[in-house]
Amino acid sequence: MSVPFVTSLRTAGDPIKVGDSDNPLHIRVQVADLWDSVRVDAGGDQPVTAVKRAALAEFYPDGGVDPDELVVRLHGFEILDEAKSLLDCSVRDGSILLLVSRRRRPVR
């Protein structure tokens, strides 16, 4: 099985599985504040919020962040309806989803 090169950049370990699909989308999810990323294999019919929550569970195993405080961006634009499926939001094989804080915080 061939996976996009972008999913191997700055990621370690096995991909997170979201949903059950014979032909999953191989994507990368990054959290801007952590400068870290994970690989995710998800069915195209899975909602964006399911991928977001699975990635956050990997980044913050103790539940240290509220998923509602982060937005998902694709190609620099916020995905406004995270209940839509990945394919409905134009996520494709090799896409990168960026999780950023909903509100801007002051620089310290």
PDB file of N, CA and C in Angstrom:
ATOM      1  N   MET A   1       0.843  -1.168   0.000  1.00  0.00           N
ATOM      2  CA  MET A   1       0.000   0.000   0.000  1.00  0.00           C
ATOM      3  C   MET A   1       0.894   1.240   0.000  1.00  0.00           C
ATOM      4  N   SER A   2       0.658   2.128  -0.913  1.00  0.00           N
ATOM      5  CA  SER A   2       1.439   3.348  -1.026  1.00  0.00           C
ATOM      6  C   SER A   2       0.773   4.472  -0.224  1.00  0.00           C
ATOM      7  N   VAL A   3       1.566   5.149   0.599  1.00  0.00           N
ATOM      8  CA  VAL A   3       1.042   6.264   1.384  1.00  0.00           C
ATOM      9  C   VAL A   3       1.757   7.535   0.953  1.00  0.00           C
ATOM     10  N   PRO A   4       1.072   8.671   1.017  1.00  0.00           N
ATOM     11  CA  PRO A   4       1.696   9.928   0.608  1.00  0.00           C
ATOM     12  C   PRO A   4       2.920  10.257   1.468  1.00  0.00           C
ATOM     13  N   PHE A   5       3.924  10.833   0.819  1.00  0.00           N
ATOM     14  CA  PHE A   5       5.157  11.211   1.495  1.00  0.00           C
ATOM     15  C   PHE A   5       4.899  12.147   2.667  1.00  0.00           C
ATOM     16  N   VAL A   6       3.949  13.052   2.522  1.00  0.00           N
ATOM     17  CA  VAL A   6       3.701  14.072   3.543  1.00  0.00           C
ATOM     18  C   VAL A   6       3.317  13.463   4.893  1.00  0.00           C
ATOM     19  N   THR A   7       2.733  12.283   4.891  1.00  0.00           N
ATOM     20  CA  THR A   7       2.317  11.683   6.158  1.00  0.00           C
ATOM     21  C   THR A   7       3.493  11.155   6.964  1.00  0.00           C
ATOM     22  N   SER A   8       4.666  11.053   6.347  1.00  0.00           N
ATOM     23  CA  SER A   8       5.830  10.556   7.090  1.00  0.00           C
ATOM     24  C   SER A   8       6.690  11.678   7.661  1.00  0.00           C
ATOM     25  N   LEU A   9       6.395  12.913   7.332  1.00  0.00           N
ATOM     26  CA  LEU A   9       7.193  14.039   7.819  1.00  0.00           C
ATOM     27  C   LEU A   9       6.944  14.281   9.295  1.00  0.00           C
ATOM     28  N   ARG A  10       8.005  14.299  10.081  1.00  0.00           N
ATOM     29  CA  ARG A  10       7.949  14.602  11.520  1.00  0.00           C
ATOM     30  C   ARG A  10       6.891  13.790  12.258  1.00  0.00           C
ATOM     31  N   THR A  11       6.694  12.561  11.890  1.00  0.00           N
ATOM     32  CA  THR A  11       5.773  11.694  12.622  1.00  0.00           C
ATOM     33  C   THR A  11       6.513  10.432  13.012  1.00  0.00           C
ATOM     34  N   ALA A  12       6.088   9.841  14.104  1.00  0.00           N
ATOM     35  CA  ALA A  12       6.715   8.610  14.564  1.00  0.00           C
ATOM     36  C   ALA A  12       5.619   7.638  14.985  1.00  0.00           C
ATOM     37  N   GLY A  13       5.929   6.399  14.941  1.00  0.00           N
ATOM     38  CA  GLY A  13       4.977   5.393  15.391  1.00  0.00           C
ATOM     39  C   GLY A  13       3.946   5.046  14.335  1.00  0.00           C
ATOM     40  N   ASP A  14       3.033   4.204  14.746  1.00  0.00           N
ATOM     41  CA  ASP A  14       1.976   3.750  13.854  1.00  0.00           C
ATOM     42  C   ASP A  14       0.900   4.818  13.696  1.00  0.00           C
ATOM     43  N   PRO A  15       0.206   4.808  12.564  1.00  0.00           N
ATOM     44  CA  PRO A  15      -0.869   5.789  12.376  1.00  0.00           C
ATOM     45  C   PRO A  15      -2.058   5.489  13.288  1.00  0.00           C
ATOM     46  N   ILE A  16      -2.762   6.530  13.642  1.00  0.00           N
ATOM     47  CA  ILE A  16      -4.006   6.405  14.401  1.00  0.00           C
ATOM     48  C   ILE A  16      -5.097   5.976  13.422  1.00  0.00           C
ATOM     49  N   LYS A  17      -5.871   4.995  13.785  1.00  0.00           N
ATOM     50  CA  LYS A  17      -6.970   4.527  12.933  1.00  0.00           C
ATOM     51  C   LYS A  17      -8.270   5.182  13.393  1.00  0.00           C
ATOM     52  N   VAL A  18      -8.980   5.795  12.455  1.00  0.00           N
ATOM     53  CA  VAL A  18     -10.280   6.395  12.746  1.00  0.00           C
ATOM     54  C   VAL A  18     -11.284   5.783  11.776  1.00  0.00           C
ATOM     55  N   GLY A  19     -12.232   5.070  12.328  1.00  0.00           N
ATOM     56  CA  GLY A  19     -13.214   4.388  11.488  1.00  0.00           C
ATOM     57  C   GLY A  19     -12.644   3.114  10.904  1.00  0.00           C
ATOM     58  N   ASP A  20     -13.470   2.436  10.127  1.00  0.00           N
ATOM     59  CA  ASP A  20     -13.080   1.175   9.515  1.00  0.00           C
ATOM     60  C   ASP A  20     -13.281   1.310   8.010  1.00  0.00           C
ATOM     61  N   SER A  21     -12.172   1.300   7.283  1.00  0.00           N
ATOM     62  CA  SER A  21     -12.253   1.491   5.844  1.00  0.00           C
ATOM     63  C   SER A  21     -11.216   0.632   5.151  1.00  0.00           C
ATOM     64  N   ASP A  22     -11.591   0.058   4.003  1.00  0.00           N
ATOM     65  CA  ASP A  22     -10.643  -0.718   3.212  1.00  0.00           C
ATOM     66  C   ASP A  22      -9.691   0.190   2.439  1.00  0.00           C
ATOM     67  N   ASN A  23     -10.121   1.432   2.205  1.00  0.00           N
ATOM     68  CA  ASN A  23      -9.325   2.388   1.450  1.00  0.00           C
ATOM     69  C   ASN A  23      -9.269   3.711   2.203  1.00  0.00           C
ATOM     70  N   PRO A  24      -8.521   3.772   3.322  1.00  0.00           N
ATOM     71  CA  PRO A  24      -8.516   4.980   4.153  1.00  0.00           C
ATOM     72  C   PRO A  24      -7.739   6.133   3.513  1.00  0.00           C
ATOM     73  N   LEU A  25      -8.044   7.326   3.968  1.00  0.00           N
ATOM     74  CA  LEU A  25      -7.261   8.504   3.624  1.00  0.00           C
ATOM     75  C   LEU A  25      -6.076   8.547   4.576  1.00  0.00           C
ATOM     76  N   HIS A  26      -4.898   8.756   4.050  1.00  0.00           N
ATOM     77  CA  HIS A  26      -3.689   8.859   4.864  1.00  0.00           C
ATOM     78  C   HIS A  26      -3.402  10.349   5.024  1.00  0.00           C
ATOM     79  N   ILE A  27      -3.628  10.871   6.212  1.00  0.00           N
ATOM     80  CA  ILE A  27      -3.479  12.303   6.444  1.00  0.00           C
ATOM     81  C   ILE A  27      -2.542  12.548   7.622  1.00  0.00           C
ATOM     82  N   ARG A  28      -2.161  13.797   7.785  1.00  0.00           N
ATOM     83  CA  ARG A  28      -1.322  14.192   8.905  1.00  0.00           C
ATOM     84  C   ARG A  28      -2.058  15.274   9.671  1.00  0.00           C
ATOM     85  N   VAL A  29      -2.029  15.186  10.996  1.00  0.00           N
ATOM     86  CA  VAL A  29      -2.665  16.187  11.854  1.00  0.00           C
ATOM     87  C   VAL A  29      -1.579  16.816  12.715  1.00  0.00           C
ATOM     88  N   GLN A  30      -1.551  18.148  12.730  1.00  0.00           N
ATOM     89  CA  GLN A  30      -0.560  18.890  13.502  1.00  0.00           C
ATOM     90  C   GLN A  30      -1.266  19.777  14.512  1.00  0.00           C
ATOM     91  N   VAL A  31      -0.633  19.978  15.665  1.00  0.00           N
ATOM     92  CA  VAL A  31      -1.090  20.963  16.641  1.00  0.00           C
ATOM     93  C   VAL A  31      -0.061  22.083  16.621  1.00  0.00           C
ATOM     94  N   ALA A  32      -0.518  23.282  16.272  1.00  0.00           N
ATOM     95  CA  ALA A  32       0.398  24.413  16.103  1.00  0.00           C
ATOM     96  C   ALA A  32       1.187  24.706  17.374  1.00  0.00           C
ATOM     97  N   ASP A  33       0.541  24.677  18.525  1.00  0.00           N
ATOM     98  CA  ASP A  33       1.221  25.011  19.779  1.00  0.00           C
ATOM     99  C   ASP A  33       2.299  24.002  20.166  1.00  0.00           C
ATOM    100  N   LEU A  34       2.166  22.767  19.737  1.00  0.00           N
ATOM    101  CA  LEU A  34       3.122  21.725  20.109  1.00  0.00           C
ATOM    102  C   LEU A  34       4.223  21.527  19.084  1.00  0.00           C
ATOM    103  N   TRP A  35       4.028  22.010  17.883  1.00  0.00           N
ATOM    104  CA  TRP A  35       4.953  21.756  16.794  1.00  0.00           C
ATOM    105  C   TRP A  35       5.180  20.256  16.637  1.00  0.00           C
ATOM    106  N   ASP A  36       4.093  19.508  16.713  1.00  0.00           N
ATOM    107  CA  ASP A  36       4.171  18.057  16.614  1.00  0.00           C
ATOM    108  C   ASP A  36       3.060  17.583  15.680  1.00  0.00           C
ATOM    109  N   SER A  37       3.217  16.386  15.141  1.00  0.00           N
ATOM    110  CA  SER A  37       2.207  15.859  14.233  1.00  0.00           C
ATOM    111  C   SER A  37       2.070  14.351  14.403  1.00  0.00           C
ATOM    112  N   VAL A  38       0.922  13.838  13.973  1.00  0.00           N
ATOM    113  CA  VAL A  38       0.648  12.405  13.979  1.00  0.00           C
ATOM    114  C   VAL A  38       0.069  12.006  12.636  1.00  0.00           C
ATOM    115  N   ARG A  39       0.277  10.746  12.306  1.00  0.00           N
ATOM    116  CA  ARG A  39      -0.341  10.196  11.103  1.00  0.00           C
ATOM    117  C   ARG A  39      -1.707   9.641  11.467  1.00  0.00           C
ATOM    118  N   VAL A  40      -2.655   9.825  10.571  1.00  0.00           N
ATOM    119  CA  VAL A  40      -4.003   9.320  10.790  1.00  0.00           C
ATOM    120  C   VAL A  40      -4.463   8.614   9.523  1.00  0.00           C
ATOM    121  N   ASP A  41      -5.005   7.412   9.689  1.00  0.00           N
ATOM    122  CA  ASP A  41      -5.672   6.691   8.603  1.00  0.00           C
ATOM    123  C   ASP A  41      -7.152   6.700   8.927  1.00  0.00           C
ATOM    124  N   ALA A  42      -7.934   7.377   8.088  1.00  0.00           N
ATOM    125  CA  ALA A  42      -9.365   7.537   8.369  1.00  0.00           C
ATOM    126  C   ALA A  42     -10.176   7.324   7.103  1.00  0.00           C
ATOM    127  N   GLY A  43     -11.341   6.741   7.280  1.00  0.00           N
ATOM    128  CA  GLY A  43     -12.266   6.604   6.168  1.00  0.00           C
ATOM    129  C   GLY A  43     -12.774   7.975   5.749  1.00  0.00           C
ATOM    130  N   GLY A  44     -12.992   8.160   4.474  1.00  0.00           N
ATOM    131  CA  GLY A  44     -13.462   9.440   3.969  1.00  0.00           C
ATOM    132  C   GLY A  44     -14.818   9.842   4.492  1.00  0.00           C
ATOM    133  N   ASP A  45     -15.586   8.869   4.985  1.00  0.00           N
ATOM    134  CA  ASP A  45     -16.922   9.161   5.516  1.00  0.00           C
ATOM    135  C   ASP A  45     -16.888   9.589   6.983  1.00  0.00           C
ATOM    136  N   GLN A  46     -15.712   9.569   7.604  1.00  0.00           N
ATOM    137  CA  GLN A  46     -15.599   9.946   9.017  1.00  0.00           C
ATOM    138  C   GLN A  46     -15.713  11.462   9.180  1.00  0.00           C
ATOM    139  N   PRO A  47     -16.381  11.914  10.239  1.00  0.00           N
ATOM    140  CA  PRO A  47     -16.473  13.359  10.465  1.00  0.00           C
ATOM    141  C   PRO A  47     -15.130  13.942  10.886  1.00  0.00           C
ATOM    142  N   VAL A  48     -14.925  15.187  10.546  1.00  0.00           N
ATOM    143  CA  VAL A  48     -13.686  15.892  10.904  1.00  0.00           C
ATOM    144  C   VAL A  48     -13.481  15.859  12.415  1.00  0.00           C
ATOM    145  N   THR A  49     -14.555  16.015  13.162  1.00  0.00           N
ATOM    146  CA  THR A  49     -14.447  16.034  14.629  1.00  0.00           C
ATOM    147  C   THR A  49     -13.906  14.711  15.185  1.00  0.00           C
ATOM    148  N   ALA A  50     -14.192  13.586  14.532  1.00  0.00           N
ATOM    149  CA  ALA A  50     -13.671  12.296  15.000  1.00  0.00           C
ATOM    150  C   ALA A  50     -12.151  12.250  14.848  1.00  0.00           C
ATOM    151  N   VAL A  51     -11.637  12.777  13.750  1.00  0.00           N
ATOM    152  CA  VAL A  51     -10.192  12.825  13.529  1.00  0.00           C
ATOM    153  C   VAL A  51      -9.546  13.779  14.533  1.00  0.00           C
ATOM    154  N   LYS A  52     -10.181  14.917  14.742  1.00  0.00           N
ATOM    155  CA  LYS A  52      -9.670  15.907  15.688  1.00  0.00           C
ATOM    156  C   LYS A  52      -9.560  15.305  17.086  1.00  0.00           C
ATOM    157  N   ARG A  53     -10.606  14.646  17.553  1.00  0.00           N
ATOM    158  CA  ARG A  53     -10.607  14.061  18.896  1.00  0.00           C
ATOM    159  C   ARG A  53      -9.597  12.921  19.028  1.00  0.00           C
ATOM    160  N   ALA A  54      -9.454  12.113  17.983  1.00  0.00           N
ATOM    161  CA  ALA A  54      -8.484  11.020  18.032  1.00  0.00           C
ATOM    162  C   ALA A  54      -7.053  11.568  18.108  1.00  0.00           C
ATOM    163  N   ALA A  55      -6.774  12.606  17.339  1.00  0.00           N
ATOM    164  CA  ALA A  55      -5.437  13.207  17.376  1.00  0.00           C
ATOM    165  C   ALA A  55      -5.173  13.860  18.725  1.00  0.00           C
ATOM    166  N   LEU A  56      -6.166  14.555  19.265  1.00  0.00           N
ATOM    167  CA  LEU A  56      -5.984  15.200  20.570  1.00  0.00           C
ATOM    168  C   LEU A  56      -5.767  14.174  21.670  1.00  0.00           C
ATOM    169  N   ALA A  57      -6.419  13.020  21.565  1.00  0.00           N
ATOM    170  CA  ALA A  57      -6.206  11.957  22.554  1.00  0.00           C
ATOM    171  C   ALA A  57      -4.761  11.456  22.504  1.00  0.00           C
ATOM    172  N   GLU A  58      -4.156  11.490  21.326  1.00  0.00           N
ATOM    173  CA  GLU A  58      -2.750  11.093  21.188  1.00  0.00           C
ATOM    174  C   GLU A  58      -1.816  12.178  21.724  1.00  0.00           C
ATOM    175  N   PHE A  59      -2.099  13.436  21.393  1.00  0.00           N
ATOM    176  CA  PHE A  59      -1.258  14.550  21.830  1.00  0.00           C
ATOM    177  C   PHE A  59      -1.375  14.824  23.324  1.00  0.00           C
ATOM    178  N   TYR A  60      -2.587  14.706  23.853  1.00  0.00           N
ATOM    179  CA  TYR A  60      -2.865  15.012  25.266  1.00  0.00           C
ATOM    180  C   TYR A  60      -3.538  13.804  25.920  1.00  0.00           C
ATOM    181  N   PRO A  61      -2.799  12.761  26.256  1.00  0.00           N
ATOM    182  CA  PRO A  61      -3.407  11.554  26.823  1.00  0.00           C
ATOM    183  C   PRO A  61      -4.139  11.803  28.142  1.00  0.00           C
ATOM    184  N   ASP A  62      -3.758  12.849  28.856  1.00  0.00           N
ATOM    185  CA  ASP A  62      -4.423  13.151  30.123  1.00  0.00           C
ATOM    186  C   ASP A  62      -5.657  14.031  29.926  1.00  0.00           C
ATOM    187  N   GLY A  63      -5.993  14.340  28.673  1.00  0.00           N
ATOM    188  CA  GLY A  63      -7.167  15.168  28.398  1.00  0.00           C
ATOM    189  C   GLY A  63      -6.950  16.625  28.739  1.00  0.00           C
ATOM    190  N   GLY A  64      -5.745  17.113  28.608  1.00  0.00           N
ATOM    191  CA  GLY A  64      -5.399  18.449  29.045  1.00  0.00           C
ATOM    192  C   GLY A  64      -5.889  19.591  28.173  1.00  0.00           C
ATOM    193  N   VAL A  65      -6.689  19.320  27.155  1.00  0.00           N
ATOM    194  CA  VAL A  65      -7.182  20.394  26.294  1.00  0.00           C
ATOM    195  C   VAL A  65      -8.639  20.118  25.917  1.00  0.00           C
ATOM    196  N   ASP A  66      -9.415  21.195  25.841  1.00  0.00           N
ATOM    197  CA  ASP A  66     -10.818  21.106  25.431  1.00  0.00           C
ATOM    198  C   ASP A  66     -10.878  21.157  23.908  1.00  0.00           C
ATOM    199  N   PRO A  67     -11.411  20.121  23.246  1.00  0.00           N
ATOM    200  CA  PRO A  67     -11.468  20.117  21.783  1.00  0.00           C
ATOM    201  C   PRO A  67     -12.209  21.323  21.195  1.00  0.00           C
ATOM    202  N   ASP A  68     -13.140  21.875  21.945  1.00  0.00           N
ATOM    203  CA  ASP A  68     -13.884  23.027  21.441  1.00  0.00           C
ATOM    204  C   ASP A  68     -13.049  24.301  21.421  1.00  0.00           C
ATOM    205  N   GLU A  69     -11.891  24.290  22.089  1.00  0.00           N
ATOM    206  CA  GLU A  69     -11.015  25.458  22.099  1.00  0.00           C
ATOM    207  C   GLU A  69     -10.061  25.490  20.904  1.00  0.00           C
ATOM    208  N   LEU A  70     -10.096  24.427  20.094  1.00  0.00           N
ATOM    209  CA  LEU A  70      -9.243  24.353  18.911  1.00  0.00           C
ATOM    210  C   LEU A  70     -10.096  24.256  17.659  1.00  0.00           C
ATOM    211  N   VAL A  71      -9.634  24.873  16.586  1.00  0.00           N
ATOM    212  CA  VAL A  71     -10.310  24.764  15.293  1.00  0.00           C
ATOM    213  C   VAL A  71      -9.412  23.964  14.357  1.00  0.00           C
ATOM    214  N   VAL A  72     -10.028  23.382  13.345  1.00  0.00           N
ATOM    215  CA  VAL A  72      -9.309  22.593  12.349  1.00  0.00           C
ATOM    216  C   VAL A  72      -9.183  23.430  11.087  1.00  0.00           C
ATOM    217  N   ARG A  73      -7.963  23.508  10.568  1.00  0.00           N
ATOM    218  CA  ARG A  73      -7.732  24.247   9.331  1.00  0.00           C
ATOM    219  C   ARG A  73      -7.193  23.308   8.257  1.00  0.00           C
ATOM    220  N   LEU A  74      -7.654  23.554   7.049  1.00  0.00           N
ATOM    221  CA  LEU A  74      -7.190  22.828   5.875  1.00  0.00           C
ATOM    222  C   LEU A  74      -6.803  23.870   4.834  1.00  0.00           C
ATOM    223  N   HIS A  75      -5.580  23.843   4.357  1.00  0.00           N
ATOM    224  CA  HIS A  75      -5.068  24.834   3.392  1.00  0.00           C
ATOM    225  C   HIS A  75      -5.208  26.254   3.921  1.00  0.00           C
ATOM    226  N   GLY A  76      -5.084  26.419   5.248  1.00  0.00           N
ATOM    227  CA  GLY A  76      -5.133  27.744   5.853  1.00  0.00           C
ATOM    228  C   GLY A  76      -6.518  28.242   6.215  1.00  0.00           C
ATOM    229  N   PHE A  77      -7.557  27.536   5.807  1.00  0.00           N
ATOM    230  CA  PHE A  77      -8.927  27.961   6.073  1.00  0.00           C
ATOM    231  C   PHE A  77      -9.570  27.064   7.128  1.00  0.00           C
ATOM    232  N   GLU A  78     -10.321  27.683   8.019  1.00  0.00           N
ATOM    233  CA  GLU A  78     -11.007  26.941   9.068  1.00  0.00           C
ATOM    234  C   GLU A  78     -12.129  26.099   8.470  1.00  0.00           C
ATOM    235  N   ILE A  79     -12.221  24.860   8.935  1.00  0.00           N
ATOM    236  CA  ILE A  79     -13.361  24.014   8.578  1.00  0.00           C
ATOM    237  C   ILE A  79     -14.477  24.394   9.531  1.00  0.00           C
ATOM    238  N   LEU A  80     -15.500  25.045   9.009  1.00  0.00           N
ATOM    239  CA  LEU A  80     -16.550  25.612   9.852  1.00  0.00           C
ATOM    240  C   LEU A  80     -17.509  24.574  10.406  1.00  0.00           C
ATOM    241  N   ASP A  81     -17.757  23.513   9.667  1.00  0.00           N
ATOM    242  CA  ASP A  81     -18.675  22.466  10.125  1.00  0.00           C
ATOM    243  C   ASP A  81     -17.902  21.165  10.292  1.00  0.00           C
ATOM    244  N   GLU A  82     -17.427  20.921  11.505  1.00  0.00           N
ATOM    245  CA  GLU A  82     -16.614  19.735  11.778  1.00  0.00           C
ATOM    246  C   GLU A  82     -17.430  18.454  11.815  1.00  0.00           C
ATOM    247  N   ALA A  83     -18.747  18.566  11.722  1.00  0.00           N
ATOM    248  CA  ALA A  83     -19.595  17.376  11.675  1.00  0.00           C
ATOM    249  C   ALA A  83     -19.631  16.771  10.269  1.00  0.00           C
ATOM    250  N   LYS A  84     -19.183  17.522   9.278  1.00  0.00           N
ATOM    251  CA  LYS A  84     -19.148  17.012   7.904  1.00  0.00           C
ATOM    252  C   LYS A  84     -18.056  15.975   7.765  1.00  0.00           C
ATOM    253  N   SER A  85     -18.209  15.129   6.761  1.00  0.00           N
ATOM    254  CA  SER A  85     -17.209  14.093   6.526  1.00  0.00           C
ATOM    255  C   SER A  85     -15.932  14.704   5.953  1.00  0.00           C
ATOM    256  N   LEU A  86     -14.861  13.955   6.061  1.00  0.00           N
ATOM    257  CA  LEU A  86     -13.585  14.416   5.520  1.00  0.00           C
ATOM    258  C   LEU A  86     -13.696  14.726   4.031  1.00  0.00           C
ATOM    259  N   LEU A  87     -14.320  13.828   3.277  1.00  0.00           N
ATOM    260  CA  LEU A  87     -14.447  14.049   1.842  1.00  0.00           C
ATOM    261  C   LEU A  87     -15.312  15.262   1.531  1.00  0.00           C
ATOM    262  N   ASP A  88     -16.366  15.496   2.315  1.00  0.00           N
ATOM    263  CA  ASP A  88     -17.215  16.667   2.096  1.00  0.00           C
ATOM    264  C   ASP A  88     -16.471  17.970   2.368  1.00  0.00           C
ATOM    265  N   CYS A  89     -15.416  17.901   3.176  1.00  0.00           N
ATOM    266  CA  CYS A  89     -14.610  19.093   3.494  1.00  0.00           C
ATOM    267  C   CYS A  89     -13.376  19.194   2.601  1.00  0.00           C
ATOM    268  N   SER A  90     -13.324  18.399   1.548  1.00  0.00           N
ATOM    269  CA  SER A  90     -12.229  18.400   0.564  1.00  0.00           C
ATOM    270  C   SER A  90     -10.909  17.872   1.109  1.00  0.00           C
ATOM    271  N   VAL A  91     -10.953  17.065   2.159  1.00  0.00           N
ATOM    272  CA  VAL A  91      -9.739  16.407   2.643  1.00  0.00           C
ATOM    273  C   VAL A  91      -9.452  15.246   1.694  1.00  0.00           C
ATOM    274  N   ARG A  92      -8.221  15.174   1.240  1.00  0.00           N
ATOM    275  CA  ARG A  92      -7.801  14.139   0.308  1.00  0.00           C
ATOM    276  C   ARG A  92      -6.614  13.379   0.885  1.00  0.00           C
ATOM    277  N   ASP A  93      -6.262  12.298   0.225  1.00  0.00           N
ATOM    278  CA  ASP A  93      -5.105  11.521   0.628  1.00  0.00           C
ATOM    279  C   ASP A  93      -3.882  12.435   0.622  1.00  0.00           C
ATOM    280  N   GLY A  94      -3.154  12.483   1.750  1.00  0.00           N
ATOM    281  CA  GLY A  94      -1.974  13.322   1.861  1.00  0.00           C
ATOM    282  C   GLY A  94      -2.240  14.706   2.420  1.00  0.00           C
ATOM    283  N   SER A  95      -3.495  15.016   2.768  1.00  0.00           N
ATOM    284  CA  SER A  95      -3.813  16.336   3.319  1.00  0.00           C
ATOM    285  C   SER A  95      -3.218  16.502   4.713  1.00  0.00           C
ATOM    286  N   ILE A  96      -3.030  17.758   5.097  1.00  0.00           N
ATOM    287  CA  ILE A  96      -2.551  18.099   6.434  1.00  0.00           C
ATOM    288  C   ILE A  96      -3.616  18.932   7.119  1.00  0.00           C
ATOM    289  N   LEU A  97      -4.074  18.475   8.283  1.00  0.00           N
ATOM    290  CA  LEU A  97      -5.027  19.234   9.096  1.00  0.00           C
ATOM    291  C   LEU A  97      -4.247  19.888  10.222  1.00  0.00           C
ATOM    292  N   LEU A  98      -4.470  21.162  10.417  1.00  0.00           N
ATOM    293  CA  LEU A  98      -3.778  21.923  11.457  1.00  0.00           C
ATOM    294  C   LEU A  98      -4.768  22.296  12.543  1.00  0.00           C
ATOM    295  N   LEU A  99      -4.440  21.980  13.788  1.00  0.00           N
ATOM    296  CA  LEU A  99      -5.275  22.344  14.932  1.00  0.00           C
ATOM    297  C   LEU A  99      -4.668  23.583  15.587  1.00  0.00           C
ATOM    298  N   VAL A 100      -5.455  24.650  15.636  1.00  0.00           N
ATOM    299  CA  VAL A 100      -4.980  25.910  16.216  1.00  0.00           C
ATOM    300  C   VAL A 100      -5.993  26.414  17.228  1.00  0.00           C
ATOM    301  N   SER A 101      -5.528  27.251  18.132  1.00  0.00           N
ATOM    302  CA  SER A 101      -6.393  27.819  19.162  1.00  0.00           C
ATOM    303  C   SER A 101      -7.493  28.661  18.534  1.00  0.00           C
ATOM    304  N   ARG A 102      -8.690  28.530  19.055  1.00  0.00           N
ATOM    305  CA  ARG A 102      -9.826  29.286  18.549  1.00  0.00           C
ATOM    306  C   ARG A 102      -9.628  30.785  18.757  1.00  0.00           C
ATOM    307  N   ARG A 103      -9.055  31.140  19.889  1.00  0.00           N
ATOM    308  CA  ARG A 103      -8.835  32.554  20.211  1.00  0.00           C
ATOM    309  C   ARG A 103      -7.352  32.859  20.233  1.00  0.00           C
ATOM    310  N   ARG A 104      -7.018  34.004  19.707  1.00  0.00           N
ATOM    311  CA  ARG A 104      -5.621  34.426  19.748  1.00  0.00           C
ATOM    312  C   ARG A 104      -5.239  34.771  21.178  1.00  0.00           C
ATOM    313  N   ARG A 105      -4.026  34.390  21.548  1.00  0.00           N
ATOM    314  CA  ARG A 105      -3.534  34.655  22.892  1.00  0.00           C
ATOM    315  C   ARG A 105      -2.406  35.667  22.825  1.00  0.00           C
ATOM    316  N   PRO A 106      -2.253  36.458  23.856  1.00  0.00           N
ATOM    317  CA  PRO A 106      -1.169  37.446  23.852  1.00  0.00           C
ATOM    318  C   PRO A 106       0.194  36.766  23.922  1.00  0.00           C
ATOM    319  N   VAL A 107       1.157  37.401  23.303  1.00  0.00           N
ATOM    320  CA  VAL A 107       2.534  36.894  23.330  1.00  0.00           C
ATOM    321  C   VAL A 107       3.153  37.288  24.667  1.00  0.00           C
ATOM    322  N   ARG A 108       3.846  36.341  25.293  1.00  0.00           N
ATOM    323  CA  ARG A 108       4.460  36.619  26.595  1.00  0.00           C
ATOM    324  C   ARG A 108       5.942  36.739  26.467  1.00  0.00           C
TER     325      ARG A 108
END
